[in-house]
């Protein structure tokens, strides 16, 4: 199985795309996640939609808007609210995890490997077989 983060961006239009991806793939939805961190002194979240693996192909996409949304527990905001409303509309809750910021890693791929490890360890996504 291949599990890969697909980064959309940080802005409002990216959040709309993330929500539309979830709606269009509701039959494959696995979960909605908010990764909380502090980046450059600011409390932010990465919003993630995880789909079940493809069949055939065994590819599991994890769509992410990385570290561009203010942490809603510190600063309530419409972007997070829209994400949470979409999750609820599709029958899911948002799973919250505290993670290190991407700036702590020499390469973005290492950061994403770190997140995949956390998600596997917590059994939010399946381990490699």
C-alpha atoms as a PDB file:
ATOM      1  CA  UNK A   1       0.000   0.000   0.000  1.00  0.00           C
ATOM      2  CA  UNK A   2       1.122   3.534  -0.752  1.00  0.00           C
ATOM      3  CA  UNK A   3       0.035   6.295   1.626  1.00  0.00           C
ATOM      4  CA  UNK A   4       0.845   9.813   0.499  1.00  0.00           C
ATOM      5  CA  UNK A   5       0.019  13.350   1.537  1.00  0.00           C
ATOM      6  CA  UNK A   6      -1.257  15.536  -1.283  1.00  0.00           C
ATOM      7  CA  UNK A   7      -0.816  19.190  -0.388  1.00  0.00           C
ATOM      8  CA  UNK A   8      -3.452  21.610  -1.615  1.00  0.00           C
ATOM      9  CA  UNK A   9      -2.263  24.900  -0.084  1.00  0.00           C
ATOM     10  CA  UNK A  10      -3.262  27.212   2.755  1.00  0.00           C
ATOM     11  CA  UNK A  11      -5.843  29.706   1.451  1.00  0.00           C
ATOM     12  CA  UNK A  12      -9.630  29.897   1.411  1.00  0.00           C
ATOM     13  CA  UNK A  13      -9.911  28.395  -2.071  1.00  0.00           C
ATOM     14  CA  UNK A  14      -7.810  25.425  -0.916  1.00  0.00           C
ATOM     15  CA  UNK A  15     -10.177  24.753   1.987  1.00  0.00           C
ATOM     16  CA  UNK A  16     -13.102  24.778  -0.456  1.00  0.00           C
ATOM     17  CA  UNK A  17     -11.260  22.286  -2.662  1.00  0.00           C
ATOM     18  CA  UNK A  18     -10.560  20.072   0.360  1.00  0.00           C
ATOM     19  CA  UNK A  19     -14.247  20.089   1.302  1.00  0.00           C
ATOM     20  CA  UNK A  20     -15.283  19.362  -2.295  1.00  0.00           C
ATOM     21  CA  UNK A  21     -12.845  16.433  -2.455  1.00  0.00           C
ATOM     22  CA  UNK A  22     -14.481  15.026   0.677  1.00  0.00           C
ATOM     23  CA  UNK A  23     -18.004  15.446  -0.715  1.00  0.00           C
ATOM     24  CA  UNK A  24     -17.131  13.994  -4.125  1.00  0.00           C
ATOM     25  CA  UNK A  25     -15.466  10.982  -2.485  1.00  0.00           C
ATOM     26  CA  UNK A  26     -17.919  10.415   0.367  1.00  0.00           C
ATOM     27  CA  UNK A  27     -18.004   6.685  -0.454  1.00  0.00           C
ATOM     28  CA  UNK A  28     -14.230   6.515   0.266  1.00  0.00           C
ATOM     29  CA  UNK A  29     -14.013   8.823   3.306  1.00  0.00           C
ATOM     30  CA  UNK A  30     -11.915   7.524   6.163  1.00  0.00           C
ATOM     31  CA  UNK A  31     -11.556  10.578   8.409  1.00  0.00           C
ATOM     32  CA  UNK A  32     -11.153  14.306   9.027  1.00  0.00           C
ATOM     33  CA  UNK A  33      -8.133  15.507  11.017  1.00  0.00           C
ATOM     34  CA  UNK A  34      -6.827  18.741  12.491  1.00  0.00           C
ATOM     35  CA  UNK A  35      -3.090  18.674  13.266  1.00  0.00           C
ATOM     36  CA  UNK A  36      -2.358  21.365  15.862  1.00  0.00           C
ATOM     37  CA  UNK A  37       1.088  22.970  16.086  1.00  0.00           C
ATOM     38  CA  UNK A  38       2.929  26.219  16.728  1.00  0.00           C
ATOM     39  CA  UNK A  39       4.775  27.625  13.713  1.00  0.00           C
ATOM     40  CA  UNK A  40       6.761  30.865  13.927  1.00  0.00           C
ATOM     41  CA  UNK A  41       5.096  31.651  17.250  1.00  0.00           C
ATOM     42  CA  UNK A  42       1.558  31.212  15.880  1.00  0.00           C
ATOM     43  CA  UNK A  43      -0.869  28.450  16.896  1.00  0.00           C
ATOM     44  CA  UNK A  44      -2.065  26.901  13.623  1.00  0.00           C
ATOM     45  CA  UNK A  45      -3.716  23.743  12.326  1.00  0.00           C
ATOM     46  CA  UNK A  46      -3.298  21.609   9.243  1.00  0.00           C
ATOM     47  CA  UNK A  47      -6.623  20.302   7.954  1.00  0.00           C
ATOM     48  CA  UNK A  48      -6.596  16.791   6.499  1.00  0.00           C
ATOM     49  CA  UNK A  49      -9.111  14.564   4.705  1.00  0.00           C
ATOM     50  CA  UNK A  50      -8.150  10.892   4.498  1.00  0.00           C
ATOM     51  CA  UNK A  51      -9.700   8.539   1.950  1.00  0.00           C
ATOM     52  CA  UNK A  52      -9.744   4.744   2.013  1.00  0.00           C
ATOM     53  CA  UNK A  53      -7.237   3.085  -0.345  1.00  0.00           C
ATOM     54  CA  UNK A  54      -8.099   2.625  -4.003  1.00  0.00           C
ATOM     55  CA  UNK A  55      -9.072  -0.801  -5.258  1.00  0.00           C
ATOM     56  CA  UNK A  56      -7.212  -1.820  -7.283  1.00  0.00           C
ATOM     57  CA  UNK A  57      -3.958   0.008  -6.702  1.00  0.00           C
ATOM     58  CA  UNK A  58      -3.864   0.274  -2.913  1.00  0.00           C
ATOM     59  CA  UNK A  59      -3.143   4.028  -2.969  1.00  0.00           C
ATOM     60  CA  UNK A  60      -4.362   5.949   0.093  1.00  0.00           C
ATOM     61  CA  UNK A  61      -4.412   9.741  -0.365  1.00  0.00           C
ATOM     62  CA  UNK A  62      -4.247  12.122   2.580  1.00  0.00           C
ATOM     63  CA  UNK A  63      -5.268  15.571   1.339  1.00  0.00           C
ATOM     64  CA  UNK A  64      -3.821  18.390   3.437  1.00  0.00           C
ATOM     65  CA  UNK A  65      -3.982  22.169   3.800  1.00  0.00           C
ATOM     66  CA  UNK A  66      -0.741  22.559   5.765  1.00  0.00           C
ATOM     67  CA  UNK A  67      -0.344  24.967   8.682  1.00  0.00           C
ATOM     68  CA  UNK A  68      -2.343  27.805   7.165  1.00  0.00           C
ATOM     69  CA  UNK A  69      -5.412  27.971   9.399  1.00  0.00           C
ATOM     70  CA  UNK A  70      -5.361  29.664  12.823  1.00  0.00           C
ATOM     71  CA  UNK A  71      -5.906  27.219  15.686  1.00  0.00           C
ATOM     72  CA  UNK A  72      -9.656  27.530  16.404  1.00  0.00           C
ATOM     73  CA  UNK A  73      -9.131  27.058  20.156  1.00  0.00           C
ATOM     74  CA  UNK A  74      -6.959  30.197  20.153  1.00  0.00           C
ATOM     75  CA  UNK A  75      -8.599  32.222  17.391  1.00  0.00           C
ATOM     76  CA  UNK A  76     -12.016  31.072  16.097  1.00  0.00           C
ATOM     77  CA  UNK A  77     -12.161  31.307  12.304  1.00  0.00           C
ATOM     78  CA  UNK A  78     -14.464  30.590   9.381  1.00  0.00           C
ATOM     79  CA  UNK A  79     -12.030  28.274   7.563  1.00  0.00           C
ATOM     80  CA  UNK A  80     -11.943  25.793  10.420  1.00  0.00           C
ATOM     81  CA  UNK A  81     -15.699  26.137  10.979  1.00  0.00           C
ATOM     82  CA  UNK A  82     -16.376  25.251   7.325  1.00  0.00           C
ATOM     83  CA  UNK A  83     -14.132  22.192   7.617  1.00  0.00           C
ATOM     84  CA  UNK A  84     -15.855  21.005  10.823  1.00  0.00           C
ATOM     85  CA  UNK A  85     -19.312  21.598   9.304  1.00  0.00           C
ATOM     86  CA  UNK A  86     -18.380  19.521   6.252  1.00  0.00           C
ATOM     87  CA  UNK A  87     -17.164  16.684   8.466  1.00  0.00           C
ATOM     88  CA  UNK A  88     -20.439  16.746  10.409  1.00  0.00           C
ATOM     89  CA  UNK A  89     -22.512  16.935   7.206  1.00  0.00           C
ATOM     90  CA  UNK A  90     -20.764  13.763   5.984  1.00  0.00           C
ATOM     91  CA  UNK A  91     -21.198  11.909   9.279  1.00  0.00           C
ATOM     92  CA  UNK A  92     -17.705  12.386  10.731  1.00  0.00           C
ATOM     93  CA  UNK A  93     -16.117  14.207  13.622  1.00  0.00           C
ATOM     94  CA  UNK A  94     -12.756  15.976  13.428  1.00  0.00           C
ATOM     95  CA  UNK A  95      -9.899  14.105  15.112  1.00  0.00           C
ATOM     96  CA  UNK A  96      -7.428  16.489  16.761  1.00  0.00           C
ATOM     97  CA  UNK A  97      -3.730  15.674  17.142  1.00  0.00           C
ATOM     98  CA  UNK A  98      -0.819  17.776  18.414  1.00  0.00           C
ATOM     99  CA  UNK A  99       2.184  17.497  16.097  1.00  0.00           C
ATOM    100  CA  UNK A 100       5.556  19.126  15.486  1.00  0.00           C
ATOM    101  CA  UNK A 101       5.685  21.933  12.895  1.00  0.00           C
ATOM    102  CA  UNK A 102       6.990  21.139   9.419  1.00  0.00           C
ATOM    103  CA  UNK A 103       9.835  23.620   9.972  1.00  0.00           C
ATOM    104  CA  UNK A 104      11.462  21.137  12.389  1.00  0.00           C
ATOM    105  CA  UNK A 105      12.211  18.801   9.490  1.00  0.00           C
ATOM    106  CA  UNK A 106      14.957  19.230   6.892  1.00  0.00           C
ATOM    107  CA  UNK A 107      12.621  18.090   4.113  1.00  0.00           C
ATOM    108  CA  UNK A 108       8.860  18.152   3.693  1.00  0.00           C
ATOM    109  CA  UNK A 109       8.877  14.433   2.836  1.00  0.00           C
ATOM    110  CA  UNK A 110      10.348  13.676   6.283  1.00  0.00           C
ATOM    111  CA  UNK A 111       7.577  15.701   7.907  1.00  0.00           C
ATOM    112  CA  UNK A 112       4.932  13.759   6.018  1.00  0.00           C
ATOM    113  CA  UNK A 113       6.600  10.433   6.918  1.00  0.00           C
ATOM    114  CA  UNK A 114       6.489  11.556  10.565  1.00  0.00           C
ATOM    115  CA  UNK A 115       2.739  12.305  10.310  1.00  0.00           C
ATOM    116  CA  UNK A 116       2.037   8.979   8.594  1.00  0.00           C
ATOM    117  CA  UNK A 117       3.908   7.226  11.420  1.00  0.00           C
ATOM    118  CA  UNK A 118       1.770   8.990  14.034  1.00  0.00           C
ATOM    119  CA  UNK A 119      -1.415   8.092  12.168  1.00  0.00           C
ATOM    120  CA  UNK A 120      -0.371   4.433  11.796  1.00  0.00           C
ATOM    121  CA  UNK A 121       0.664   4.187  15.445  1.00  0.00           C
ATOM    122  CA  UNK A 122      -2.767   5.484  16.505  1.00  0.00           C
ATOM    123  CA  UNK A 123      -4.462   3.154  13.992  1.00  0.00           C
ATOM    124  CA  UNK A 124      -6.107   5.972  12.049  1.00  0.00           C
ATOM    125  CA  UNK A 125      -4.622   4.525   8.852  1.00  0.00           C
ATOM    126  CA  UNK A 126      -3.551   0.918   8.247  1.00  0.00           C
ATOM    127  CA  UNK A 127       0.093  -0.163   8.517  1.00  0.00           C
ATOM    128  CA  UNK A 128       1.998  -1.285   5.453  1.00  0.00           C
ATOM    129  CA  UNK A 129       1.507  -4.934   4.595  1.00  0.00           C
END
